[in-house]
Amino acid sequence: VRVISNPVVLENLCRMRDKSTDSQGVRIATRKIT
C-alpha cells in the first residue's frame, strides 16, 4: 500500500472532505489528487 501524502495532496484532501465545499470544489480537488 503506497500512501502519497505530499502537501498538494494533503491540501486538496482537506478541501474535498470539507462538508462546506461545493461539488465544483470537490471535483477540482479530486482531479488534483488524481
PDB file of all heavy atoms in Angstrom:
ATOM      1  N   VAL A   1       0.858  -1.185   0.000  1.00  0.00           N
ATOM      2  CA  VAL A   1       0.000   0.000   0.000  1.00  0.00           C
ATOM      3  C   VAL A   1       0.895   1.236   0.000  1.00  0.00           C
ATOM      4  O   VAL A   1       1.692   1.436   0.918  1.00  0.00           O
ATOM      5  CB  VAL A   1      -0.932   0.026   1.225  1.00  0.00           C
ATOM      6  CG1 VAL A   1      -1.837   1.259   1.162  1.00  0.00           C
ATOM      7  CG2 VAL A   1      -1.765  -1.239   1.291  1.00  0.00           C
ATOM      8  N   ARG A   2       0.777   2.041  -1.047  1.00  0.00           N
ATOM      9  CA  ARG A   2       1.606   3.235  -1.164  1.00  0.00           C
ATOM     10  C   ARG A   2       0.740   4.460  -0.894  1.00  0.00           C
ATOM     11  O   ARG A   2      -0.203   4.746  -1.634  1.00  0.00           O
ATOM     12  CB  ARG A   2       2.204   3.300  -2.569  1.00  0.00           C
ATOM     13  CG  ARG A   2       3.300   4.327  -2.702  1.00  0.00           C
ATOM     14  CD  ARG A   2       4.403   3.974  -3.705  1.00  0.00           C
ATOM     15  NE  ARG A   2       3.993   3.215  -4.850  1.00  0.00           N
ATOM     16  CZ  ARG A   2       4.131   3.638  -6.123  1.00  0.00           C
ATOM     17  NH1 ARG A   2       4.615   4.840  -6.363  1.00  0.00           N
ATOM     18  NH2 ARG A   2       3.794   2.869  -7.133  1.00  0.00           N
ATOM     19  N   VAL A   3       1.027   5.162   0.198  1.00  0.00           N
ATOM     20  CA  VAL A   3       0.265   6.355   0.574  1.00  0.00           C
ATOM     21  C   VAL A   3       1.026   7.584   0.092  1.00  0.00           C
ATOM     22  O   VAL A   3       2.158   7.824   0.494  1.00  0.00           O
ATOM     23  CB  VAL A   3       0.038   6.424   2.098  1.00  0.00           C
ATOM     24  CG1 VAL A   3      -0.773   7.669   2.448  1.00  0.00           C
ATOM     25  CG2 VAL A   3      -0.680   5.169   2.592  1.00  0.00           C
ATOM     26  N   ILE A   4       0.389   8.359  -0.785  1.00  0.00           N
ATOM     27  CA  ILE A   4       1.006   9.560  -1.343  1.00  0.00           C
ATOM     28  C   ILE A   4       0.482  10.761  -0.558  1.00  0.00           C
ATOM     29  O   ILE A   4      -0.696  11.113  -0.654  1.00  0.00           O
ATOM     30  CB  ILE A   4       0.671   9.712  -2.840  1.00  0.00           C
ATOM     31  CG1 ILE A   4       0.931   8.398  -3.592  1.00  0.00           C
ATOM     32  CG2 ILE A   4       1.456  10.865  -3.455  1.00  0.00           C
ATOM     33  CD1 ILE A   4       2.337   7.856  -3.438  1.00  0.00           C
ATOM     34  N   SER A   5       1.337  11.377   0.209  1.00  0.00           N
ATOM     35  CA  SER A   5       0.866  12.429   1.122  1.00  0.00           C
ATOM     36  C   SER A   5       1.722  13.687   1.009  1.00  0.00           C
ATOM     37  O   SER A   5       2.153  14.245   2.014  1.00  0.00           O
ATOM     38  CB  SER A   5       0.867  11.916   2.566  1.00  0.00           C
ATOM     39  OG  SER A   5       2.162  11.470   2.944  1.00  0.00           O
ATOM     40  N   ASN A   6       1.975  14.126  -0.220  1.00  0.00           N
ATOM     41  CA  ASN A   6       2.715  15.383  -0.368  1.00  0.00           C
ATOM     42  C   ASN A   6       1.792  16.567  -0.047  1.00  0.00           C
ATOM     43  O   ASN A   6       0.562  16.397   0.063  1.00  0.00           O
ATOM     44  CB  ASN A   6       3.326  15.495  -1.770  1.00  0.00           C
ATOM     45  CG  ASN A   6       2.289  15.571  -2.867  1.00  0.00           C
ATOM     46  OD1 ASN A   6       1.379  16.395  -2.833  1.00  0.00           O
ATOM     47  ND2 ASN A   6       2.402  14.697  -3.866  1.00  0.00           N
ATOM     48  N   PRO A   7       2.320  17.780   0.118  1.00  0.00           N
ATOM     49  CA  PRO A   7       1.491  18.919   0.524  1.00  0.00           C
ATOM     50  C   PRO A   7       0.324  19.222  -0.413  1.00  0.00           C
ATOM     51  O   PRO A   7      -0.760  19.617   0.049  1.00  0.00           O
ATOM     52  CB  PRO A   7       2.491  20.079   0.567  1.00  0.00           C
ATOM     53  CG  PRO A   7       3.799  19.426   0.891  1.00  0.00           C
ATOM     54  CD  PRO A   7       3.771  18.117   0.149  1.00  0.00           C
ATOM     55  N   VAL A   8       0.497  19.039  -1.719  1.00  0.00           N
ATOM     56  CA  VAL A   8      -0.597  19.288  -2.662  1.00  0.00           C
ATOM     57  C   VAL A   8      -1.744  18.319  -2.401  1.00  0.00           C
ATOM     58  O   VAL A   8      -2.917  18.706  -2.369  1.00  0.00           O
ATOM     59  CB  VAL A   8      -0.094  19.164  -4.119  1.00  0.00           C
ATOM     60  CG1 VAL A   8      -1.272  19.234  -5.098  1.00  0.00           C
ATOM     61  CG2 VAL A   8       0.927  20.245  -4.425  1.00  0.00           C
ATOM     62  N   VAL A   9      -1.416  17.053  -2.196  1.00  0.00           N
ATOM     63  CA  VAL A   9      -2.433  16.050  -1.907  1.00  0.00           C
ATOM     64  C   VAL A   9      -3.143  16.366  -0.596  1.00  0.00           C
ATOM     65  O   VAL A   9      -4.377  16.330  -0.512  1.00  0.00           O
ATOM     66  CB  VAL A   9      -1.815  14.637  -1.862  1.00  0.00           C
ATOM     67  CG1 VAL A   9      -2.813  13.625  -1.312  1.00  0.00           C
ATOM     68  CG2 VAL A   9      -1.360  14.210  -3.252  1.00  0.00           C
ATOM     69  N   LEU A  10      -2.387  16.677   0.440  1.00  0.00           N
ATOM     70  CA  LEU A  10      -2.989  16.933   1.750  1.00  0.00           C
ATOM     71  C   LEU A  10      -3.920  18.146   1.726  1.00  0.00           C
ATOM     72  O   LEU A  10      -5.014  18.118   2.302  1.00  0.00           O
ATOM     73  CB  LEU A  10      -1.881  17.139   2.790  1.00  0.00           C
ATOM     74  CG  LEU A  10      -1.028  15.902   3.102  1.00  0.00           C
ATOM     75  CD1 LEU A  10       0.116  16.270   4.033  1.00  0.00           C
ATOM     76  CD2 LEU A  10      -1.885  14.801   3.712  1.00  0.00           C
ATOM     77  N   GLU A  11      -3.506  19.207   1.031  1.00  0.00           N
ATOM     78  CA  GLU A  11      -4.353  20.396   0.957  1.00  0.00           C
ATOM     79  C   GLU A  11      -5.674  20.082   0.254  1.00  0.00           C
ATOM     80  O   GLU A  11      -6.760  20.494   0.704  1.00  0.00           O
ATOM     81  CB  GLU A  11      -3.626  21.515   0.218  1.00  0.00           C
ATOM     82  CG  GLU A  11      -4.466  22.778   0.084  1.00  0.00           C
ATOM     83  CD  GLU A  11      -3.753  23.906  -0.645  1.00  0.00           C
ATOM     84  OE1 GLU A  11      -2.682  23.659  -1.220  1.00  0.00           O
ATOM     85  OE2 GLU A  11      -4.284  25.022  -0.637  1.00  0.00           O
ATOM     86  N   ASN A  12      -5.594  19.333  -0.829  1.00  0.00           N
ATOM     87  CA  ASN A  12      -6.813  19.039  -1.586  1.00  0.00           C
ATOM     88  C   ASN A  12      -7.669  17.972  -0.921  1.00  0.00           C
ATOM     89  O   ASN A  12      -8.889  17.950  -1.113  1.00  0.00           O
ATOM     90  CB  ASN A  12      -6.452  18.662  -3.019  1.00  0.00           C
ATOM     91  CG  ASN A  12      -6.078  19.875  -3.843  1.00  0.00           C
ATOM     92  OD1 ASN A  12      -6.940  20.636  -4.275  1.00  0.00           O
ATOM     93  ND2 ASN A  12      -4.779  20.086  -4.028  1.00  0.00           N
ATOM     94  N   LEU A  13      -7.071  17.108  -0.121  1.00  0.00           N
ATOM     95  CA  LEU A  13      -7.864  16.197   0.699  1.00  0.00           C
ATOM     96  C   LEU A  13      -8.741  16.984   1.669  1.00  0.00           C
ATOM     97  O   LEU A  13      -9.919  16.655   1.868  1.00  0.00           O
ATOM     98  CB  LEU A  13      -6.953  15.247   1.478  1.00  0.00           C
ATOM     99  CG  LEU A  13      -6.579  13.929   0.826  1.00  0.00           C
ATOM    100  CD1 LEU A  13      -5.543  13.200   1.680  1.00  0.00           C
ATOM    101  CD2 LEU A  13      -7.799  13.039   0.613  1.00  0.00           C
ATOM    102  N   CYS A  14      -8.165  18.009   2.271  1.00  0.00           N
ATOM    103  CA  CYS A  14      -8.943  18.847   3.189  1.00  0.00           C
ATOM    104  C   CYS A  14     -10.131  19.471   2.469  1.00  0.00           C
ATOM    105  O   CYS A  14     -11.261  19.498   2.995  1.00  0.00           O
ATOM    106  CB  CYS A  14      -8.064  19.940   3.783  1.00  0.00           C
ATOM    107  SG  CYS A  14      -6.860  19.357   4.994  1.00  0.00           S
ATOM    108  N   ARG A  15      -9.906  19.951   1.257  1.00  0.00           N
ATOM    109  CA  ARG A  15     -10.979  20.618   0.511  1.00  0.00           C
ATOM    110  C   ARG A  15     -12.085  19.636   0.130  1.00  0.00           C
ATOM    111  O   ARG A  15     -13.270  19.950   0.249  1.00  0.00           O
ATOM    112  CB  ARG A  15     -10.406  21.283  -0.740  1.00  0.00           C
ATOM    113  CG  ARG A  15      -9.536  22.487  -0.444  1.00  0.00           C
ATOM    114  CD  ARG A  15      -8.969  23.092  -1.707  1.00  0.00           C
ATOM    115  NE  ARG A  15      -8.119  24.252  -1.398  1.00  0.00           N
ATOM    116  CZ  ARG A  15      -7.401  24.903  -2.296  1.00  0.00           C
ATOM    117  NH1 ARG A  15      -7.421  24.518  -3.559  1.00  0.00           N
ATOM    118  NH2 ARG A  15      -6.654  25.929  -1.949  1.00  0.00           N
ATOM    119  N   MET A  16     -11.711  18.457  -0.350  1.00  0.00           N
ATOM    120  CA  MET A  16     -12.750  17.533  -0.811  1.00  0.00           C
ATOM    121  C   MET A  16     -13.508  16.904   0.354  1.00  0.00           C
ATOM    122  O   MET A  16     -14.666  16.530   0.216  1.00  0.00           O
ATOM    123  CB  MET A  16     -12.166  16.458  -1.727  1.00  0.00           C
ATOM    124  CG  MET A  16     -11.228  15.483  -1.064  1.00  0.00           C
ATOM    125  SD  MET A  16     -10.609  14.246  -2.231  1.00  0.00           S
ATOM    126  CE  MET A  16     -12.052  13.188  -2.399  1.00  0.00           C
ATOM    127  N   ARG A  17     -12.883  16.805   1.518  1.00  0.00           N
ATOM    128  CA  ARG A  17     -13.561  16.243   2.693  1.00  0.00           C
ATOM    129  C   ARG A  17     -14.537  17.234   3.330  1.00  0.00           C
ATOM    130  O   ARG A  17     -15.566  16.838   3.869  1.00  0.00           O
ATOM    131  CB  ARG A  17     -12.530  15.840   3.747  1.00  0.00           C
ATOM    132  CG  ARG A  17     -11.672  14.632   3.425  1.00  0.00           C
ATOM    133  CD  ARG A  17     -10.780  14.397   4.615  1.00  0.00           C
ATOM    134  NE  ARG A  17      -9.725  13.425   4.458  1.00  0.00           N
ATOM    135  CZ  ARG A  17      -9.835  12.127   4.718  1.00  0.00           C
ATOM    136  NH1 ARG A  17     -11.012  11.632   5.096  1.00  0.00           N
ATOM    137  NH2 ARG A  17      -8.810  11.322   4.599  1.00  0.00           N
ATOM    138  N   ASP A  18     -14.193  18.511   3.290  1.00  0.00           N
ATOM    139  CA  ASP A  18     -14.962  19.538   3.986  1.00  0.00           C
ATOM    140  C   ASP A  18     -16.406  19.556   3.488  1.00  0.00           C
ATOM    141  O   ASP A  18     -16.662  19.713   2.294  1.00  0.00           O
ATOM    142  CB  ASP A  18     -14.302  20.902   3.749  1.00  0.00           C
ATOM    143  CG  ASP A  18     -14.842  21.985   4.656  1.00  0.00           C
ATOM    144  OD1 ASP A  18     -16.027  21.901   5.062  1.00  0.00           O
ATOM    145  OD2 ASP A  18     -14.098  22.933   4.957  1.00  0.00           O
ATOM    146  N   LYS A  19     -17.356  19.410   4.401  1.00  0.00           N
ATOM    147  CA  LYS A  19     -18.762  19.340   4.001  1.00  0.00           C
ATOM    148  C   LYS A  19     -19.259  20.651   3.398  1.00  0.00           C
ATOM    149  O   LYS A  19     -20.296  20.660   2.705  1.00  0.00           O
ATOM    150  CB  LYS A  19     -19.637  18.946   5.183  1.00  0.00           C
ATOM    151  CG  LYS A  19     -19.716  19.988   6.291  1.00  0.00           C
ATOM    152  CD  LYS A  19     -20.658  19.513   7.399  1.00  0.00           C
ATOM    153  CE  LYS A  19     -20.826  20.569   8.479  1.00  0.00           C
ATOM    154  NZ  LYS A  19     -21.743  20.114   9.552  1.00  0.00           N
ATOM    155  N   SER A  20     -18.542  21.754   3.616  1.00  0.00           N
ATOM    156  CA  SER A  20     -18.959  23.036   3.058  1.00  0.00           C
ATOM    157  C   SER A  20     -18.455  23.251   1.633  1.00  0.00           C
ATOM    158  O   SER A  20     -18.859  24.210   0.973  1.00  0.00           O
ATOM    159  CB  SER A  20     -18.472  24.190   3.951  1.00  0.00           C
ATOM    160  OG  SER A  20     -17.055  24.273   3.943  1.00  0.00           O
ATOM    161  N   THR A  21     -17.601  22.380   1.134  1.00  0.00           N
ATOM    162  CA  THR A  21     -17.095  22.504  -0.236  1.00  0.00           C
ATOM    163  C   THR A  21     -18.177  22.065  -1.215  1.00  0.00           C
ATOM    164  O   THR A  21     -18.750  20.974  -1.081  1.00  0.00           O
ATOM    165  CB  THR A  21     -15.838  21.640  -0.439  1.00  0.00           C
ATOM    166  OG1 THR A  21     -14.842  22.020   0.515  1.00  0.00           O
ATOM    167  CG2 THR A  21     -15.275  21.813  -1.840  1.00  0.00           C
ATOM    168  N   ASP A  22     -18.462  22.904  -2.212  1.00  0.00           N
ATOM    169  CA  ASP A  22     -19.497  22.551  -3.178  1.00  0.00           C
ATOM    170  C   ASP A  22     -18.970  21.532  -4.184  1.00  0.00           C
ATOM    171  O   ASP A  22     -17.787  21.173  -4.175  1.00  0.00           O
ATOM    172  CB  ASP A  22     -20.042  23.798  -3.887  1.00  0.00           C
ATOM    173  CG  ASP A  22     -18.986  24.532  -4.717  1.00  0.00           C
ATOM    174  OD1 ASP A  22     -17.899  23.968  -4.969  1.00  0.00           O
ATOM    175  OD2 ASP A  22     -19.252  25.681  -5.105  1.00  0.00           O
ATOM    176  N   SER A  23     -19.849  21.052  -5.070  1.00  0.00           N
ATOM    177  CA  SER A  23     -19.484  19.983  -5.996  1.00  0.00           C
ATOM    178  C   SER A  23     -18.345  20.388  -6.921  1.00  0.00           C
ATOM    179  O   SER A  23     -17.456  19.579  -7.214  1.00  0.00           O
ATOM    180  CB  SER A  23     -20.698  19.559  -6.826  1.00  0.00           C
ATOM    181  OG  SER A  23     -21.644  18.897  -6.028  1.00  0.00           O
ATOM    182  N   GLN A  24     -18.364  21.627  -7.391  1.00  0.00           N
ATOM    183  CA  GLN A  24     -17.280  22.076  -8.256  1.00  0.00           C
ATOM    184  C   GLN A  24     -15.948  22.034  -7.509  1.00  0.00           C
ATOM    185  O   GLN A  24     -14.926  21.593  -8.047  1.00  0.00           O
ATOM    186  CB  GLN A  24     -17.541  23.485  -8.775  1.00  0.00           C
ATOM    187  CG  GLN A  24     -16.449  23.973  -9.732  1.00  0.00           C
ATOM    188  CD  GLN A  24     -16.710  25.380 -10.251  1.00  0.00           C
ATOM    189  OE1 GLN A  24     -17.567  26.093  -9.719  1.00  0.00           O
ATOM    190  NE2 GLN A  24     -15.992  25.794 -11.268  1.00  0.00           N
ATOM    191  N   GLY A  25     -15.957  22.485  -6.255  1.00  0.00           N
ATOM    192  CA  GLY A  25     -14.740  22.454  -5.450  1.00  0.00           C
ATOM    193  C   GLY A  25     -14.253  21.044  -5.196  1.00  0.00           C
ATOM    194  O   GLY A  25     -13.045  20.762  -5.221  1.00  0.00           O
ATOM    195  N   VAL A  26     -15.205  20.124  -4.953  1.00  0.00           N
ATOM    196  CA  VAL A  26     -14.834  18.717  -4.749  1.00  0.00           C
ATOM    197  C   VAL A  26     -14.213  18.146  -6.012  1.00  0.00           C
ATOM    198  O   VAL A  26     -13.204  17.442  -5.960  1.00  0.00           O
ATOM    199  CB  VAL A  26     -16.073  17.890  -4.329  1.00  0.00           C
ATOM    200  CG1 VAL A  26     -15.739  16.399  -4.327  1.00  0.00           C
ATOM    201  CG2 VAL A  26     -16.550  18.316  -2.941  1.00  0.00           C
ATOM    202  N   ARG A  27     -14.803  18.448  -7.172  1.00  0.00           N
ATOM    203  CA  ARG A  27     -14.267  17.936  -8.437  1.00  0.00           C
ATOM    204  C   ARG A  27     -12.860  18.444  -8.699  1.00  0.00           C
ATOM    205  O   ARG A  27     -11.980  17.687  -9.117  1.00  0.00           O
ATOM    206  CB  ARG A  27     -15.190  18.307  -9.600  1.00  0.00           C
ATOM    207  CG  ARG A  27     -16.498  17.527  -9.631  1.00  0.00           C
ATOM    208  CD  ARG A  27     -17.203  17.705 -10.954  1.00  0.00           C
ATOM    209  NE  ARG A  27     -17.646  19.071 -11.168  1.00  0.00           N
ATOM    210  CZ  ARG A  27     -18.809  19.557 -10.774  1.00  0.00           C
ATOM    211  NH1 ARG A  27     -19.652  18.779 -10.106  1.00  0.00           N
ATOM    212  NH2 ARG A  27     -19.150  20.801 -11.025  1.00  0.00           N
ATOM    213  N   ILE A  28     -12.641  19.727  -8.466  1.00  0.00           N
ATOM    214  CA  ILE A  28     -11.318  20.309  -8.711  1.00  0.00           C
ATOM    215  C   ILE A  28     -10.277  19.675  -7.787  1.00  0.00           C
ATOM    216  O   ILE A  28      -9.190  19.280  -8.225  1.00  0.00           O
ATOM    217  CB  ILE A  28     -11.358  21.843  -8.512  1.00  0.00           C
ATOM    218  CG1 ILE A  28     -12.186  22.493  -9.623  1.00  0.00           C
ATOM    219  CG2 ILE A  28      -9.942  22.423  -8.500  1.00  0.00           C
ATOM    220  CD1 ILE A  28     -12.472  23.968  -9.388  1.00  0.00           C
ATOM    221  N   ALA A  29     -10.615  19.544  -6.513  1.00  0.00           N
ATOM    222  CA  ALA A  29      -9.682  18.942  -5.549  1.00  0.00           C
ATOM    223  C   ALA A  29      -9.399  17.487  -5.906  1.00  0.00           C
ATOM    224  O   ALA A  29      -8.257  17.018  -5.845  1.00  0.00           O
ATOM    225  CB  ALA A  29     -10.255  19.046  -4.137  1.00  0.00           C
ATOM    226  N   THR A  30     -10.456  16.769  -6.302  1.00  0.00           N
ATOM    227  CA  THR A  30     -10.302  15.360  -6.654  1.00  0.00           C
ATOM    228  C   THR A  30      -9.379  15.195  -7.848  1.00  0.00           C
ATOM    229  O   THR A  30      -8.519  14.305  -7.875  1.00  0.00           O
ATOM    230  CB  THR A  30     -11.676  14.731  -6.963  1.00  0.00           C
ATOM    231  OG1 THR A  30     -12.524  14.890  -5.820  1.00  0.00           O
ATOM    232  CG2 THR A  30     -11.537  13.252  -7.269  1.00  0.00           C
ATOM    233  N   ARG A  31      -9.534  16.043  -8.853  1.00  0.00           N
ATOM    234  CA  ARG A  31      -8.690  15.952 -10.043  1.00  0.00           C
ATOM    235  C   ARG A  31      -7.226  16.234  -9.712  1.00  0.00           C
ATOM    236  O   ARG A  31      -6.320  15.586 -10.261  1.00  0.00           O
ATOM    237  CB  ARG A  31      -9.184  16.910 -11.120  1.00  0.00           C
ATOM    238  CG  ARG A  31     -10.499  16.482 -11.749  1.00  0.00           C
ATOM    239  CD  ARG A  31     -10.790  17.286 -13.007  1.00  0.00           C
ATOM    240  NE  ARG A  31     -12.013  16.835 -13.634  1.00  0.00           N
ATOM    241  CZ  ARG A  31     -13.156  17.512 -13.628  1.00  0.00           C
ATOM    242  NH1 ARG A  31     -13.215  18.674 -13.015  1.00  0.00           N
ATOM    243  NH2 ARG A  31     -14.231  17.035 -14.226  1.00  0.00           N
ATOM    244  N   LYS A  32      -6.984  17.175  -8.834  1.00  0.00           N
ATOM    245  CA  LYS A  32      -5.589  17.477  -8.457  1.00  0.00           C
ATOM    246  C   LYS A  32      -4.947  16.291  -7.747  1.00  0.00           C
ATOM    247  O   LYS A  32      -3.790  15.943  -8.012  1.00  0.00           O
ATOM    248  CB  LYS A  32      -5.554  18.727  -7.574  1.00  0.00           C
ATOM    249  CG  LYS A  32      -5.869  20.010  -8.328  1.00  0.00           C
ATOM    250  CD  LYS A  32      -5.819  21.219  -7.409  1.00  0.00           C
ATOM    251  CE  LYS A  32      -6.119  22.502  -8.175  1.00  0.00           C
ATOM    252  NZ  LYS A  32      -6.084  23.700  -7.293  1.00  0.00           N
ATOM    253  N   ILE A  33      -5.703  15.657  -6.860  1.00  0.00           N
ATOM    254  CA  ILE A  33      -5.175  14.473  -6.167  1.00  0.00           C
ATOM    255  C   ILE A  33      -4.968  13.339  -7.166  1.00  0.00           C
ATOM    256  O   ILE A  33      -3.951  12.635  -7.132  1.00  0.00           O
ATOM    257  CB  ILE A  33      -6.140  14.034  -5.047  1.00  0.00           C
ATOM    258  CG1 ILE A  33      -6.246  15.126  -3.988  1.00  0.00           C
ATOM    259  CG2 ILE A  33      -5.667  12.723  -4.420  1.00  0.00           C
ATOM    260  CD1 ILE A  33      -7.350  14.888  -2.968  1.00  0.00           C
ATOM    261  N   THR A  34      -5.943  13.170  -8.045  1.00  0.00           N
ATOM    262  CA  THR A  34      -5.865  12.113  -9.055  1.00  0.00           C
ATOM    263  C   THR A  34      -4.586  12.220  -9.877  1.00  0.00           C
ATOM    264  O   THR A  34      -3.917  11.219 -10.154  1.00  0.00           O
ATOM    265  CB  THR A  34      -7.089  12.202  -9.993  1.00  0.00           C
ATOM    266  OG1 THR A  34      -8.261  11.898  -9.247  1.00  0.00           O
ATOM    267  CG2 THR A  34      -6.967  11.240 -11.152  1.00  0.00           C
TER     268      THR A  34
END
